[in-house]
Protein backbone atom coordinates (compact mmCIF):
# COMPACT_ATOMS: atom_id res chain seq x y z
CA MET A 1 64.32 180.34 71.63
CA LYS A 2 66.05 183.16 72.44
CA VAL A 3 66.62 186.28 69.02
CA PHE A 4 70.31 187.83 70.17
CA HIS A 5 70.72 191.40 68.76
CA GLY A 6 74.11 192.68 68.63
CA ARG A 7 76.57 192.09 71.26
CA ALA A 8 74.52 189.34 73.80
CA ASP A 9 76.11 191.97 76.07
CA GLY A 10 76.03 194.62 74.73
CA GLY A 11 79.47 195.67 75.48
CA HIS A 12 82.65 196.73 73.55
CA SER A 13 85.59 194.31 72.52
CA GLU A 14 87.70 192.70 75.04
CA GLN A 15 91.07 192.22 75.92
CA ARG A 16 91.73 188.62 76.33
CA GLY A 17 95.63 188.16 78.28
CA GLU A 18 96.31 185.42 80.63
CA THR A 19 95.47 182.77 77.49
CA PHE A 20 96.87 184.37 74.89
CA THR A 21 100.04 184.70 73.22
CA GLY A 22 100.09 188.41 71.59
CA THR A 23 96.75 191.19 69.98
CA VAL A 24 93.24 189.27 70.61
CA TYR A 25 90.01 191.10 71.10
CA ALA A 26 86.83 189.17 71.79
CA ASP A 27 82.99 189.66 71.49
CA PRO A 28 80.47 187.09 72.47
CA VAL A 29 77.84 186.52 70.26
CA MET A 30 75.74 184.63 72.66
CA PRO A 31 76.46 184.06 76.50
CA ALA A 32 77.13 180.46 78.04
CA THR A 33 74.14 178.61 77.65
CA SER A 34 73.74 175.15 78.14
CA GLY A 35 77.18 174.46 77.82
CA VAL A 36 77.76 176.59 74.90
CA THR A 37 79.62 179.41 73.80
CA ILE A 38 80.04 181.47 70.33
CA ASN A 39 82.80 184.56 70.11
CA THR A 40 84.03 185.70 67.30
CA VAL A 41 87.51 186.18 68.31
CA PHE A 42 89.85 189.26 66.43
CA PHE A 43 93.91 187.48 66.54
CA ALA A 44 96.51 190.55 64.71
CA PRO A 45 99.40 189.12 62.51
CA GLN A 46 100.89 186.58 65.41
CA GLY A 47 97.87 186.95 68.08
CA ARG A 48 97.53 182.52 69.37
CA THR A 49 95.61 181.21 71.37
CA TYR A 50 97.32 179.41 74.56
CA TRP A 51 97.86 175.01 73.88
CA HIS A 52 93.99 173.84 75.05
CA THR A 53 91.26 171.58 75.36
CA HIS A 54 87.24 171.99 74.57
CA GLU A 55 85.36 169.01 76.61
CA LEU A 56 82.61 168.27 73.41
CA GLY A 57 84.84 170.27 71.35
CA GLN A 58 85.19 173.46 69.38
CA VAL A 59 84.16 175.07 65.66
CA LEU A 60 85.81 177.71 64.16
CA GLN A 61 84.10 179.48 61.05
CA VAL A 62 87.60 181.66 59.34
CA THR A 63 85.60 184.63 58.87
CA ALA A 64 88.40 186.80 57.46
CA GLY A 65 92.66 186.76 57.08
CA LYS A 66 94.60 183.60 57.83
CA GLY A 67 95.43 181.88 60.32
CA TRP A 68 96.87 177.79 61.86
CA ILE A 69 94.72 175.68 63.74
CA CYS A 70 97.30 172.95 65.63
CA VAL A 71 96.63 170.05 67.17
CA GLU A 72 99.15 167.88 69.61
CA GLY A 73 101.49 165.35 67.73
CA GLU A 74 100.40 166.79 64.42
CA ALA A 75 102.30 169.93 62.28
CA PRO A 76 100.49 173.25 62.53
CA GLN A 77 97.54 173.72 58.85
CA GLU A 78 97.12 176.70 57.74
CA ILE A 79 92.93 178.11 57.82
CA ARG A 80 91.58 181.15 56.08
CA GLN A 81 88.33 182.47 55.04
CA GLY A 82 85.52 179.95 54.47
CA ASP A 83 87.52 177.52 55.67
CA ILE A 84 85.40 175.60 58.60
CA VAL A 85 87.22 173.76 61.52
CA PHE A 86 85.78 171.20 63.72
CA ILE A 87 88.54 169.84 66.99
CA GLY A 88 87.07 166.51 68.28
CA PRO A 89 86.66 166.04 72.72
CA ASN A 90 89.63 166.85 74.70
CA GLU A 91 91.75 167.44 71.99
CA ARG A 92 94.74 169.24 72.58
CA HIS A 93 95.51 171.95 70.37
CA TRP A 94 96.03 176.01 69.80
CA HIS A 95 94.63 178.48 66.96
CA GLY A 96 95.41 182.42 65.74
CA ALA A 97 96.57 184.87 62.84
CA SER A 98 100.06 183.95 60.93
CA ASP A 99 103.24 186.00 61.27
CA ALA A 100 102.41 188.78 58.08
CA SER A 101 98.16 188.64 58.10
CA TYR A 102 95.80 189.07 60.92
CA MET A 103 92.60 186.64 61.35
CA VAL A 104 89.22 186.47 62.52
CA HIS A 105 86.80 183.68 63.52
CA ILE A 106 84.28 182.37 65.21
CA ALA A 107 84.56 179.82 68.29
CA THR A 108 81.81 177.61 69.21
CA SER A 109 83.16 176.13 71.75
CA LEU A 110 81.62 172.80 73.25
CA GLY A 111 81.91 172.27 77.19
CA LYS A 112 83.99 173.17 79.52
CA ALA A 113 87.43 175.14 78.01
CA THR A 114 91.12 173.94 79.91
CA TRP A 115 94.22 175.55 79.68
CA GLN A 116 97.13 175.08 79.56
CA GLU A 117 100.42 176.79 78.58
CA GLU A 118 101.73 178.96 76.32
CA VAL A 119 102.38 177.67 72.79
CA ALA A 120 106.42 177.64 72.58
CA GLU A 121 107.80 180.47 70.23
CA ALA A 122 109.60 177.63 68.56
CA ASP A 123 106.75 175.66 66.63
CA TYR A 124 104.87 178.87 65.86
CA PRO A 125 105.26 178.58 62.23
CA LYS A 126 106.92 182.09 61.22
CA GLY A 127 108.41 183.31 57.29
CA LEU A 128 105.87 180.36 55.80
CA THR A 129 104.36 181.55 52.67
CA LEU A 130 100.75 181.29 52.97
CA ARG A 131 98.33 180.90 49.35
């Protein structure tokens, strides 16, 4: 058993860039162990991931704000504080904040992530009223 106190690496929040649109920061909760990575991720309004997959899936626990989760071929679905989302193995998806709210989630990623292209502006919902 290992106990982690505070940030796993003791460092500062990392601004994400190459595979994210907008302002996104991540804090490692636990270092990558046996193919499992856990991060707390802050998305400023309109911040979001690129399209990607996870070899064994991903679990998102939204802890603050409102945003979107979108699986390829489906319409984006609203997510907000208290929601938990499971994305299946190798399911192509993106997630991030709405255009009018920040969003924070804890992301538990299982297996290798494969990053793909940026989400097209036409595919990102803007101006929609979230509950």
